[in-house]
Amino acid sequence: MQSLEIGGTENHIHILIELPRTLSVAKAIQSLKAVSSTWVSRTFDGLEEFKWQNGYGVFSVSMSKIKETKEYIRNQKDHHRHRTFREEFLLFLDKHGIEYNEKYLFD
């Protein structure tokens, strides 16, 4: 697994990663959450009990959109001056025709 870009804001994070075909998305997320929560807990005072939320969203990106996606991740604070993460996420799901029940999306 190789990380290509990481960024976010106070309430969410975006990670653009390249997965080998032998690693499932679920296993990759499990590993990222485990390693990063341990690091946060050991690194920052007051966050010794840090835990990620249970859920996550995963979207594939074509090779032709890698540069654009990296730029999007780098500019999260600017994006969210105009629209909250929640609003943007729901718009993204709607734009791509992904069915969902909003009560299960955020915890």
PDB file of N, CA and C in Angstrom:
ATOM      1  N   MET A   1       0.857  -1.165   0.000  1.00  0.00           N
ATOM      2  CA  MET A   1       0.000   0.000   0.000  1.00  0.00           C
ATOM      3  C   MET A   1       0.903   1.228   0.000  1.00  0.00           C
ATOM      4  N   GLN A   2       0.585   2.168  -0.888  1.00  0.00           N
ATOM      5  CA  GLN A   2       1.369   3.394  -0.978  1.00  0.00           C
ATOM      6  C   GLN A   2       0.451   4.595  -0.880  1.00  0.00           C
ATOM      7  N   SER A   3       0.771   5.520   0.017  1.00  0.00           N
ATOM      8  CA  SER A   3      -0.039   6.729   0.127  1.00  0.00           C
ATOM      9  C   SER A   3       0.475   7.744  -0.887  1.00  0.00           C
ATOM     10  N   LEU A   4      -0.484   8.360  -1.615  1.00  0.00           N
ATOM     11  CA  LEU A   4      -0.150   9.341  -2.635  1.00  0.00           C
ATOM     12  C   LEU A   4      -0.436  10.763  -2.166  1.00  0.00           C
ATOM     13  N   GLU A   5      -1.425  10.907  -1.273  1.00  0.00           N
ATOM     14  CA  GLU A   5      -1.776  12.224  -0.723  1.00  0.00           C
ATOM     15  C   GLU A   5      -2.611  12.016   0.528  1.00  0.00           C
ATOM     16  N   ILE A   6      -2.388  12.853   1.536  1.00  0.00           N
ATOM     17  CA  ILE A   6      -3.158  12.799   2.781  1.00  0.00           C
ATOM     18  C   ILE A   6      -3.488  14.224   3.184  1.00  0.00           C
ATOM     19  N   GLY A   7      -4.726  14.453   3.564  1.00  0.00           N
ATOM     20  CA  GLY A   7      -5.123  15.775   4.019  1.00  0.00           C
ATOM     21  C   GLY A   7      -6.529  15.748   4.564  1.00  0.00           C
ATOM     22  N   GLY A   8      -6.949  16.825   5.171  1.00  0.00           N
ATOM     23  CA  GLY A   8      -8.298  16.884   5.709  1.00  0.00           C
ATOM     24  C   GLY A   8      -8.509  18.118   6.537  1.00  0.00           C
ATOM     25  N   THR A   9      -9.506  18.055   7.372  1.00  0.00           N
ATOM     26  CA  THR A   9      -9.834  19.155   8.269  1.00  0.00           C
ATOM     27  C   THR A   9     -10.040  18.588   9.659  1.00  0.00           C
ATOM     28  N   GLU A  10     -10.650  19.381  10.527  1.00  0.00           N
ATOM     29  CA  GLU A  10     -10.832  18.967  11.920  1.00  0.00           C
ATOM     30  C   GLU A  10     -11.747  17.753  12.070  1.00  0.00           C
ATOM     31  N   ASN A  11     -12.656  17.522  11.111  1.00  0.00           N
ATOM     32  CA  ASN A  11     -13.644  16.457  11.309  1.00  0.00           C
ATOM     33  C   ASN A  11     -13.592  15.324  10.291  1.00  0.00           C
ATOM     34  N   HIS A  12     -12.633  15.345   9.385  1.00  0.00           N
ATOM     35  CA  HIS A  12     -12.502  14.225   8.451  1.00  0.00           C
ATOM     36  C   HIS A  12     -11.143  14.269   7.771  1.00  0.00           C
ATOM     37  N   ILE A  13     -10.805  13.145   7.156  1.00  0.00           N
ATOM     38  CA  ILE A  13      -9.514  13.026   6.477  1.00  0.00           C
ATOM     39  C   ILE A  13      -9.727  12.347   5.133  1.00  0.00           C
ATOM     40  N   HIS A  14      -8.913  12.733   4.172  1.00  0.00           N
ATOM     41  CA  HIS A  14      -8.881  12.087   2.864  1.00  0.00           C
ATOM     42  C   HIS A  14      -7.501  11.463   2.702  1.00  0.00           C
ATOM     43  N   ILE A  15      -7.470  10.238   2.239  1.00  0.00           N
ATOM     44  CA  ILE A  15      -6.203   9.562   1.985  1.00  0.00           C
ATOM     45  C   ILE A  15      -6.298   8.936   0.600  1.00  0.00           C
ATOM     46  N   LEU A  16      -5.432   9.356  -0.288  1.00  0.00           N
ATOM     47  CA  LEU A  16      -5.361   8.758  -1.619  1.00  0.00           C
ATOM     48  C   LEU A  16      -4.262   7.707  -1.560  1.00  0.00           C
ATOM     49  N   ILE A  17      -4.654   6.463  -1.725  1.00  0.00           N
ATOM     50  CA  ILE A  17      -3.683   5.374  -1.639  1.00  0.00           C
ATOM     51  C   ILE A  17      -3.767   4.500  -2.883  1.00  0.00           C
ATOM     52  N   GLU A  18      -2.667   3.865  -3.149  1.00  0.00           N
ATOM     53  CA  GLU A  18      -2.598   2.875  -4.217  1.00  0.00           C
ATOM     54  C   GLU A  18      -2.486   1.515  -3.536  1.00  0.00           C
ATOM     55  N   LEU A  19      -3.445   0.650  -3.817  1.00  0.00           N
ATOM     56  CA  LEU A  19      -3.462  -0.672  -3.183  1.00  0.00           C
ATOM     57  C   LEU A  19      -2.953  -1.748  -4.135  1.00  0.00           C
ATOM     58  N   PRO A  20      -2.144  -2.656  -3.629  1.00  0.00           N
ATOM     59  CA  PRO A  20      -1.803  -3.819  -4.461  1.00  0.00           C
ATOM     60  C   PRO A  20      -3.051  -4.692  -4.617  1.00  0.00           C
ATOM     61  N   ARG A  21      -3.142  -5.409  -5.676  1.00  0.00           N
ATOM     62  CA  ARG A  21      -4.350  -6.217  -5.923  1.00  0.00           C
ATOM     63  C   ARG A  21      -4.558  -7.320  -4.883  1.00  0.00           C
ATOM     64  N   THR A  22      -3.535  -7.624  -4.092  1.00  0.00           N
ATOM     65  CA  THR A  22      -3.651  -8.668  -3.074  1.00  0.00           C
ATOM     66  C   THR A  22      -4.162  -8.148  -1.734  1.00  0.00           C
ATOM     67  N   LEU A  23      -4.382  -6.827  -1.619  1.00  0.00           N
ATOM     68  CA  LEU A  23      -4.827  -6.236  -0.362  1.00  0.00           C
ATOM     69  C   LEU A  23      -6.249  -5.705  -0.524  1.00  0.00           C
ATOM     70  N   SER A  24      -7.166  -6.208   0.295  1.00  0.00           N
ATOM     71  CA  SER A  24      -8.552  -5.745   0.213  1.00  0.00           C
ATOM     72  C   SER A  24      -8.678  -4.345   0.797  1.00  0.00           C
ATOM     73  N   VAL A  25      -9.696  -3.632   0.357  1.00  0.00           N
ATOM     74  CA  VAL A  25      -9.961  -2.297   0.875  1.00  0.00           C
ATOM     75  C   VAL A  25     -10.192  -2.362   2.387  1.00  0.00           C
ATOM     76  N   ALA A  26     -10.997  -3.316   2.835  1.00  0.00           N
ATOM     77  CA  ALA A  26     -11.307  -3.432   4.263  1.00  0.00           C
ATOM     78  C   ALA A  26     -10.036  -3.644   5.095  1.00  0.00           C
ATOM     79  N   LYS A  27      -9.141  -4.489   4.615  1.00  0.00           N
ATOM     80  CA  LYS A  27      -7.890  -4.754   5.340  1.00  0.00           C
ATOM     81  C   LYS A  27      -7.005  -3.506   5.351  1.00  0.00           C
ATOM     82  N   ALA A  28      -6.971  -2.783   4.240  1.00  0.00           N
ATOM     83  CA  ALA A  28      -6.174  -1.557   4.175  1.00  0.00           C
ATOM     84  C   ALA A  28      -6.696  -0.522   5.165  1.00  0.00           C
ATOM     85  N   ILE A  29      -8.003  -0.327   5.217  1.00  0.00           N
ATOM     86  CA  ILE A  29      -8.600   0.643   6.140  1.00  0.00           C
ATOM     87  C   ILE A  29      -8.351   0.218   7.583  1.00  0.00           C
ATOM     88  N   GLN A  30      -8.522  -1.063   7.857  1.00  0.00           N
ATOM     89  CA  GLN A  30      -8.268  -1.579   9.209  1.00  0.00           C
ATOM     90  C   GLN A  30      -6.833  -1.263   9.631  1.00  0.00           C
ATOM     91  N   SER A  31      -5.900  -1.493   8.757  1.00  0.00           N
ATOM     92  CA  SER A  31      -4.489  -1.236   9.060  1.00  0.00           C
ATOM     93  C   SER A  31      -4.225   0.258   9.245  1.00  0.00           C
ATOM     94  N   LEU A  32      -4.748   1.093   8.346  1.00  0.00           N
ATOM     95  CA  LEU A  32      -4.559   2.547   8.456  1.00  0.00           C
ATOM     96  C   LEU A  32      -5.121   3.082   9.768  1.00  0.00           C
ATOM     97  N   LYS A  33      -6.321   2.631  10.126  1.00  0.00           N
ATOM     98  CA  LYS A  33      -6.936   3.112  11.366  1.00  0.00           C
ATOM     99  C   LYS A  33      -6.156   2.651  12.589  1.00  0.00           C
ATOM    100  N   ALA A  34      -5.708   1.406  12.594  1.00  0.00           N
ATOM    101  CA  ALA A  34      -4.980   0.869  13.746  1.00  0.00           C
ATOM    102  C   ALA A  34      -3.655   1.599  13.952  1.00  0.00           C
ATOM    103  N   VAL A  35      -2.883   1.712  12.906  1.00  0.00           N
ATOM    104  CA  VAL A  35      -1.567   2.342  13.010  1.00  0.00           C
ATOM    105  C   VAL A  35      -1.706   3.824  13.362  1.00  0.00           C
ATOM    106  N   SER A  36      -2.620   4.522  12.692  1.00  0.00           N
ATOM    107  CA  SER A  36      -2.739   5.960  12.925  1.00  0.00           C
ATOM    108  C   SER A  36      -3.340   6.283  14.290  1.00  0.00           C
ATOM    109  N   SER A  37      -4.291   5.481  14.770  1.00  0.00           N
ATOM    110  CA  SER A  37      -4.858   5.770  16.092  1.00  0.00           C
ATOM    111  C   SER A  37      -3.830   5.516  17.189  1.00  0.00           C
ATOM    112  N   THR A  38      -2.998   4.518  17.017  1.00  0.00           N
ATOM    113  CA  THR A  38      -1.920   4.273  17.975  1.00  0.00           C
ATOM    114  C   THR A  38      -0.941   5.446  17.968  1.00  0.00           C
ATOM    115  N   TRP A  39      -0.586   5.922  16.771  1.00  0.00           N
ATOM    116  CA  TRP A  39       0.333   7.057  16.655  1.00  0.00           C
ATOM    117  C   TRP A  39      -0.254   8.311  17.306  1.00  0.00           C
ATOM    118  N   VAL A  40      -1.518   8.626  17.017  1.00  0.00           N
ATOM    119  CA  VAL A  40      -2.155   9.813  17.605  1.00  0.00           C
ATOM    120  C   VAL A  40      -2.177   9.693  19.121  1.00  0.00           C
ATOM    121  N   SER A  41      -2.567   8.521  19.628  1.00  0.00           N
ATOM    122  CA  SER A  41      -2.656   8.295  21.074  1.00  0.00           C
ATOM    123  C   SER A  41      -1.321   8.479  21.783  1.00  0.00           C
ATOM    124  N   ARG A  42      -0.245   8.095  21.138  1.00  0.00           N
ATOM    125  CA  ARG A  42       1.080   8.185  21.752  1.00  0.00           C
ATOM    126  C   ARG A  42       1.757   9.530  21.521  1.00  0.00           C
ATOM    127  N   THR A  43       1.298  10.284  20.535  1.00  0.00           N
ATOM    128  CA  THR A  43       1.981  11.507  20.130  1.00  0.00           C
ATOM    129  C   THR A  43       1.396  12.772  20.736  1.00  0.00           C
ATOM    130  N   PHE A  44       0.078  12.821  20.923  1.00  0.00           N
ATOM    131  CA  PHE A  44      -0.577  14.061  21.324  1.00  0.00           C
ATOM    132  C   PHE A  44      -1.175  13.968  22.720  1.00  0.00           C
ATOM    133  N   ASP A  45      -0.762  14.911  23.577  1.00  0.00           N
ATOM    134  CA  ASP A  45      -1.309  14.979  24.930  1.00  0.00           C
ATOM    135  C   ASP A  45      -2.814  15.203  24.858  1.00  0.00           C
ATOM    136  N   GLY A  46      -3.529  14.490  25.712  1.00  0.00           N
ATOM    137  CA  GLY A  46      -4.982  14.627  25.762  1.00  0.00           C
ATOM    138  C   GLY A  46      -5.722  13.750  24.770  1.00  0.00           C
ATOM    139  N   LEU A  47      -5.002  13.047  23.906  1.00  0.00           N
ATOM    140  CA  LEU A  47      -5.650  12.168  22.920  1.00  0.00           C
ATOM    141  C   LEU A  47      -5.268  10.702  23.133  1.00  0.00           C
ATOM    142  N   GLU A  48      -4.967  10.361  24.373  1.00  0.00           N
ATOM    143  CA  GLU A  48      -4.542   8.984  24.674  1.00  0.00           C
ATOM    144  C   GLU A  48      -5.631   7.958  24.369  1.00  0.00           C
ATOM    145  N   GLU A  49      -6.885   8.388  24.336  1.00  0.00           N
ATOM    146  CA  GLU A  49      -8.014   7.481  24.070  1.00  0.00           C
ATOM    147  C   GLU A  49      -8.559   7.656  22.648  1.00  0.00           C
ATOM    148  N   PHE A  50      -7.771   8.245  21.754  1.00  0.00           N
ATOM    149  CA  PHE A  50      -8.243   8.527  20.395  1.00  0.00           C
ATOM    150  C   PHE A  50      -8.685   7.252  19.683  1.00  0.00           C
ATOM    151  N   LYS A  51      -9.831   7.360  19.005  1.00  0.00           N
ATOM    152  CA  LYS A  51     -10.348   6.258  18.180  1.00  0.00           C
ATOM    153  C   LYS A  51     -11.033   6.867  16.966  1.00  0.00           C
ATOM    154  N   TRP A  52     -10.927   6.190  15.837  1.00  0.00           N
ATOM    155  CA  TRP A  52     -11.654   6.597  14.643  1.00  0.00           C
ATOM    156  C   TRP A  52     -13.106   6.165  14.765  1.00  0.00           C
ATOM    157  N   GLN A  53     -13.994   6.807  14.026  1.00  0.00           N
ATOM    158  CA  GLN A  53     -15.375   6.332  13.967  1.00  0.00           C
ATOM    159  C   GLN A  53     -15.381   4.961  13.294  1.00  0.00           C
ATOM    160  N   ASN A  54     -16.471   4.223  13.448  1.00  0.00           N
ATOM    161  CA  ASN A  54     -16.538   2.883  12.864  1.00  0.00           C
ATOM    162  C   ASN A  54     -16.552   2.899  11.346  1.00  0.00           C
ATOM    163  N   GLY A  55     -17.297   3.825  10.759  1.00  0.00           N
ATOM    164  CA  GLY A  55     -17.480   3.814   9.312  1.00  0.00           C
ATOM    165  C   GLY A  55     -16.388   4.526   8.543  1.00  0.00           C
ATOM    166  N   TYR A  56     -16.471   4.394   7.228  1.00  0.00           N
ATOM    167  CA  TYR A  56     -15.568   5.095   6.321  1.00  0.00           C
ATOM    168  C   TYR A  56     -16.176   5.056   4.924  1.00  0.00           C
ATOM    169  N   GLY A  57     -15.729   5.942   4.084  1.00  0.00           N
ATOM    170  CA  GLY A  57     -16.139   5.948   2.682  1.00  0.00           C
ATOM    171  C   GLY A  57     -14.933   5.659   1.815  1.00  0.00           C
ATOM    172  N   VAL A  58     -15.128   4.857   0.787  1.00  0.00           N
ATOM    173  CA  VAL A  58     -14.041   4.514  -0.118  1.00  0.00           C
ATOM    174  C   VAL A  58     -14.530   4.711  -1.548  1.00  0.00           C
ATOM    175  N   PHE A  59     -13.723   5.398  -2.329  1.00  0.00           N
ATOM    176  CA  PHE A  59     -14.055   5.657  -3.723  1.00  0.00           C
ATOM    177  C   PHE A  59     -12.822   5.395  -4.569  1.00  0.00           C
ATOM    178  N   SER A  60     -13.016   4.763  -5.706  1.00  0.00           N
ATOM    179  CA  SER A  60     -11.880   4.544  -6.602  1.00  0.00           C
ATOM    180  C   SER A  60     -11.688   5.777  -7.474  1.00  0.00           C
ATOM    181  N   VAL A  61     -10.452   5.955  -7.915  1.00  0.00           N
ATOM    182  CA  VAL A  61     -10.089   7.093  -8.750  1.00  0.00           C
ATOM    183  C   VAL A  61      -9.308   6.553  -9.944  1.00  0.00           C
ATOM    184  N   SER A  62      -9.689   6.975 -11.140  1.00  0.00           N
ATOM    185  CA  SER A  62      -8.953   6.531 -12.325  1.00  0.00           C
ATOM    186  C   SER A  62      -7.595   7.219 -12.377  1.00  0.00           C
ATOM    187  N   MET A  63      -6.651   6.601 -13.061  1.00  0.00           N
ATOM    188  CA  MET A  63      -5.302   7.159 -13.170  1.00  0.00           C
ATOM    189  C   MET A  63      -5.330   8.568 -13.763  1.00  0.00           C
ATOM    190  N   SER A  64      -6.285   8.831 -14.632  1.00  0.00           N
ATOM    191  CA  SER A  64      -6.364  10.145 -15.267  1.00  0.00           C
ATOM    192  C   SER A  64      -6.815  11.237 -14.306  1.00  0.00           C
ATOM    193  N   LYS A  65      -7.313  10.855 -13.122  1.00  0.00           N
ATOM    194  CA  LYS A  65      -7.806  11.825 -12.143  1.00  0.00           C
ATOM    195  C   LYS A  65      -6.917  11.941 -10.902  1.00  0.00           C
ATOM    196  N   ILE A  66      -5.760  11.308 -10.912  1.00  0.00           N
ATOM    197  CA  ILE A  66      -4.869  11.328  -9.750  1.00  0.00           C
ATOM    198  C   ILE A  66      -4.430  12.758  -9.416  1.00  0.00           C
ATOM    199  N   LYS A  67      -3.958  13.495 -10.402  1.00  0.00           N
ATOM    200  CA  LYS A  67      -3.479  14.859 -10.168  1.00  0.00           C
ATOM    201  C   LYS A  67      -4.603  15.734  -9.606  1.00  0.00           C
ATOM    202  N   GLU A  68      -5.776  15.659 -10.202  1.00  0.00           N
ATOM    203  CA  GLU A  68      -6.941  16.437  -9.758  1.00  0.00           C
ATOM    204  C   GLU A  68      -7.348  16.050  -8.331  1.00  0.00           C
ATOM    205  N   THR A  69      -7.285  14.764  -8.025  1.00  0.00           N
ATOM    206  CA  THR A  69      -7.662  14.278  -6.695  1.00  0.00           C
ATOM    207  C   THR A  69      -6.661  14.748  -5.642  1.00  0.00           C
ATOM    208  N   LYS A  70      -5.380  14.728  -5.967  1.00  0.00           N
ATOM    209  CA  LYS A  70      -4.369  15.241  -5.036  1.00  0.00           C
ATOM    210  C   LYS A  70      -4.630  16.713  -4.728  1.00  0.00           C
ATOM    211  N   GLU A  71      -4.942  17.485  -5.742  1.00  0.00           N
ATOM    212  CA  GLU A  71      -5.223  18.908  -5.562  1.00  0.00           C
ATOM    213  C   GLU A  71      -6.456  19.112  -4.686  1.00  0.00           C
ATOM    214  N   TYR A  72      -7.473  18.309  -4.913  1.00  0.00           N
ATOM    215  CA  TYR A  72      -8.692  18.367  -4.102  1.00  0.00           C
ATOM    216  C   TYR A  72      -8.369  18.114  -2.626  1.00  0.00           C
ATOM    217  N   ILE A  73      -7.563  17.104  -2.365  1.00  0.00           N
ATOM    218  CA  ILE A  73      -7.192  16.757  -0.989  1.00  0.00           C
ATOM    219  C   ILE A  73      -6.377  17.887  -0.344  1.00  0.00           C
ATOM    220  N   ARG A  74      -5.471  18.466  -1.100  1.00  0.00           N
ATOM    221  CA  ARG A  74      -4.649  19.570  -0.570  1.00  0.00           C
ATOM    222  C   ARG A  74      -5.472  20.803  -0.206  1.00  0.00           C
ATOM    223  N   ASN A  75      -6.607  20.982  -0.846  1.00  0.00           N
ATOM    224  CA  ASN A  75      -7.407  22.202  -0.671  1.00  0.00           C
ATOM    225  C   ASN A  75      -8.681  21.991   0.136  1.00  0.00           C
ATOM    226  N   GLN A  76      -8.665  21.094   1.091  1.00  0.00           N
ATOM    227  CA  GLN A  76      -9.861  20.801   1.883  1.00  0.00           C
ATOM    228  C   GLN A  76     -10.405  22.012   2.632  1.00  0.00           C
ATOM    229  N   LYS A  77      -9.540  22.770   3.257  1.00  0.00           N
ATOM    230  CA  LYS A  77     -10.029  23.920   4.031  1.00  0.00           C
ATOM    231  C   LYS A  77     -10.767  24.900   3.138  1.00  0.00           C
ATOM    232  N   ASP A  78     -10.262  25.121   1.935  1.00  0.00           N
ATOM    233  CA  ASP A  78     -10.925  26.020   0.996  1.00  0.00           C
ATOM    234  C   ASP A  78     -12.275  25.462   0.556  1.00  0.00           C
ATOM    235  N   HIS A  79     -12.318  24.157   0.241  1.00  0.00           N
ATOM    236  CA  HIS A  79     -13.583  23.528  -0.165  1.00  0.00           C
ATOM    237  C   HIS A  79     -14.660  23.729   0.893  1.00  0.00           C
ATOM    238  N   HIS A  80     -14.276  23.587   2.140  1.00  0.00           N
ATOM    239  CA  HIS A  80     -15.261  23.583   3.218  1.00  0.00           C
ATOM    240  C   HIS A  80     -15.582  24.973   3.760  1.00  0.00           C
ATOM    241  N   ARG A  81     -15.053  25.989   3.144  1.00  0.00           N
ATOM    242  CA  ARG A  81     -15.522  27.345   3.440  1.00  0.00           C
ATOM    243  C   ARG A  81     -16.886  27.575   2.806  1.00  0.00           C
ATOM    244  N   HIS A  82     -17.163  26.847   1.744  1.00  0.00           N
ATOM    245  CA  HIS A  82     -18.398  27.016   0.979  1.00  0.00           C
ATOM    246  C   HIS A  82     -19.447  25.952   1.292  1.00  0.00           C
ATOM    247  N   ARG A  83     -18.989  24.818   1.755  1.00  0.00           N
ATOM    248  CA  ARG A  83     -19.885  23.679   1.957  1.00  0.00           C
ATOM    249  C   ARG A  83     -19.308  22.784   3.038  1.00  0.00           C
ATOM    250  N   THR A  84     -20.152  22.293   3.943  1.00  0.00           N
ATOM    251  CA  THR A  84     -19.667  21.403   5.002  1.00  0.00           C
ATOM    252  C   THR A  84     -19.292  20.049   4.405  1.00  0.00           C
ATOM    253  N   PHE A  85     -18.518  19.293   5.169  1.00  0.00           N
ATOM    254  CA  PHE A  85     -18.166  17.939   4.735  1.00  0.00           C
ATOM    255  C   PHE A  85     -19.430  17.123   4.475  1.00  0.00           C
ATOM    256  N   ARG A  86     -20.380  17.201   5.372  1.00  0.00           N
ATOM    257  CA  ARG A  86     -21.631  16.452   5.242  1.00  0.00           C
ATOM    258  C   ARG A  86     -22.344  16.810   3.936  1.00  0.00           C
ATOM    259  N   GLU A  87     -22.484  18.100   3.670  1.00  0.00           N
ATOM    260  CA  GLU A  87     -23.146  18.553   2.441  1.00  0.00           C
ATOM    261  C   GLU A  87     -22.396  18.050   1.203  1.00  0.00           C
ATOM    262  N   GLU A  88     -21.086  18.172   1.230  1.00  0.00           N
ATOM    263  CA  GLU A  88     -20.286  17.745   0.089  1.00  0.00           C
ATOM    264  C   GLU A  88     -20.372  16.241  -0.137  1.00  0.00           C
ATOM    265  N   PHE A  89     -20.330  15.478   0.945  1.00  0.00           N
ATOM    266  CA  PHE A  89     -20.400  14.020   0.833  1.00  0.00           C
ATOM    267  C   PHE A  89     -21.740  13.581   0.240  1.00  0.00           C
ATOM    268  N   LEU A  90     -22.830  14.166   0.712  1.00  0.00           N
ATOM    269  CA  LEU A  90     -24.154  13.822   0.190  1.00  0.00           C
ATOM    270  C   LEU A  90     -24.294  14.219  -1.278  1.00  0.00           C
ATOM    271  N   LEU A  91     -23.765  15.374  -1.636  1.00  0.00           N
ATOM    272  CA  LEU A  91     -23.789  15.792  -3.049  1.00  0.00           C
ATOM    273  C   LEU A  91     -22.999  14.824  -3.918  1.00  0.00           C
ATOM    274  N   PHE A  92     -21.868  14.367  -3.421  1.00  0.00           N
ATOM    275  CA  PHE A  92     -21.037  13.411  -4.151  1.00  0.00           C
ATOM    276  C   PHE A  92     -21.790  12.093  -4.374  1.00  0.00           C
ATOM    277  N   LEU A  93     -22.425  11.602  -3.330  1.00  0.00           N
ATOM    278  CA  LEU A  93     -23.193  10.365  -3.462  1.00  0.00           C
ATOM    279  C   LEU A  93     -24.324  10.540  -4.471  1.00  0.00           C
ATOM    280  N   ASP A  94     -25.031  11.644  -4.377  1.00  0.00           N
ATOM    281  CA  ASP A  94     -26.131  11.917  -5.308  1.00  0.00           C
ATOM    282  C   ASP A  94     -25.619  12.040  -6.745  1.00  0.00           C
ATOM    283  N   LYS A  95     -24.543  12.771  -6.934  1.00  0.00           N
ATOM    284  CA  LYS A  95     -23.971  12.994  -8.273  1.00  0.00           C
ATOM    285  C   LYS A  95     -23.627  11.680  -8.958  1.00  0.00           C
ATOM    286  N   HIS A  96     -23.167  10.705  -8.169  1.00  0.00           N
ATOM    287  CA  HIS A  96     -22.727   9.427  -8.731  1.00  0.00           C
ATOM    288  C   HIS A  96     -23.780   8.324  -8.619  1.00  0.00           C
ATOM    289  N   GLY A  97     -25.003   8.712  -8.227  1.00  0.00           N
ATOM    290  CA  GLY A  97     -26.101   7.747  -8.187  1.00  0.00           C
ATOM    291  C   GLY A  97     -25.947   6.652  -7.161  1.00  0.00           C
ATOM    292  N   ILE A  98     -25.293   6.960  -6.053  1.00  0.00           N
ATOM    293  CA  ILE A  98     -25.073   5.976  -4.990  1.00  0.00           C
ATOM    294  C   ILE A  98     -26.237   6.065  -4.009  1.00  0.00           C
ATOM    295  N   GLU A  99     -26.949   4.966  -3.838  1.00  0.00           N
ATOM    296  CA  GLU A  99     -28.075   4.928  -2.906  1.00  0.00           C
ATOM    297  C   GLU A  99     -27.556   4.872  -1.478  1.00  0.00           C
ATOM    298  N   TYR A 100     -28.257   5.535  -0.565  1.00  0.00           N
ATOM    299  CA  TYR A 100     -27.848   5.554   0.827  1.00  0.00           C
ATOM    300  C   TYR A 100     -29.036   5.900   1.714  1.00  0.00           C
ATOM    301  N   ASN A 101     -28.885   5.578   2.982  1.00  0.00           N
ATOM    302  CA  ASN A 101     -29.819   6.009   4.010  1.00  0.00           C
ATOM    303  C   ASN A 101     -29.008   6.902   4.927  1.00  0.00           C
ATOM    304  N   GLU A 102     -29.339   8.192   4.957  1.00  0.00           N
ATOM    305  CA  GLU A 102     -28.530   9.181   5.674  1.00  0.00           C
ATOM    306  C   GLU A 102     -28.347   8.846   7.155  1.00  0.00           C
ATOM    307  N   LYS A 103     -29.302   8.142   7.749  1.00  0.00           N
ATOM    308  CA  LYS A 103     -29.161   7.852   9.189  1.00  0.00           C
ATOM    309  C   LYS A 103     -27.993   6.900   9.482  1.00  0.00           C
ATOM    310  N   TYR A 104     -27.482   6.211   8.439  1.00  0.00           N
ATOM    311  CA  TYR A 104     -26.365   5.299   8.642  1.00  0.00           C
ATOM    312  C   TYR A 104     -25.016   5.887   8.214  1.00  0.00           C
ATOM    313  N   LEU A 105     -25.008   7.117   7.725  1.00  0.00           N
ATOM    314  CA  LEU A 105     -23.774   7.670   7.163  1.00  0.00           C
ATOM    315  C   LEU A 105     -22.828   8.280   8.179  1.00  0.00           C
ATOM    316  N   PHE A 106     -23.339   8.950   9.176  1.00  0.00           N
ATOM    317  CA  PHE A 106     -22.485   9.713  10.077  1.00  0.00           C
ATOM    318  C   PHE A 106     -22.733   9.290  11.515  1.00  0.00           C
ATOM    319  N   ASP A 107     -21.678   9.134  12.283  1.00  0.00           N
ATOM    320  CA  ASP A 107     -21.825   8.843  13.722  1.00  0.00           C
ATOM    321  C   ASP A 107     -21.010   9.780  14.552  1.00  0.00           C
TER     322      ASP A 107
END
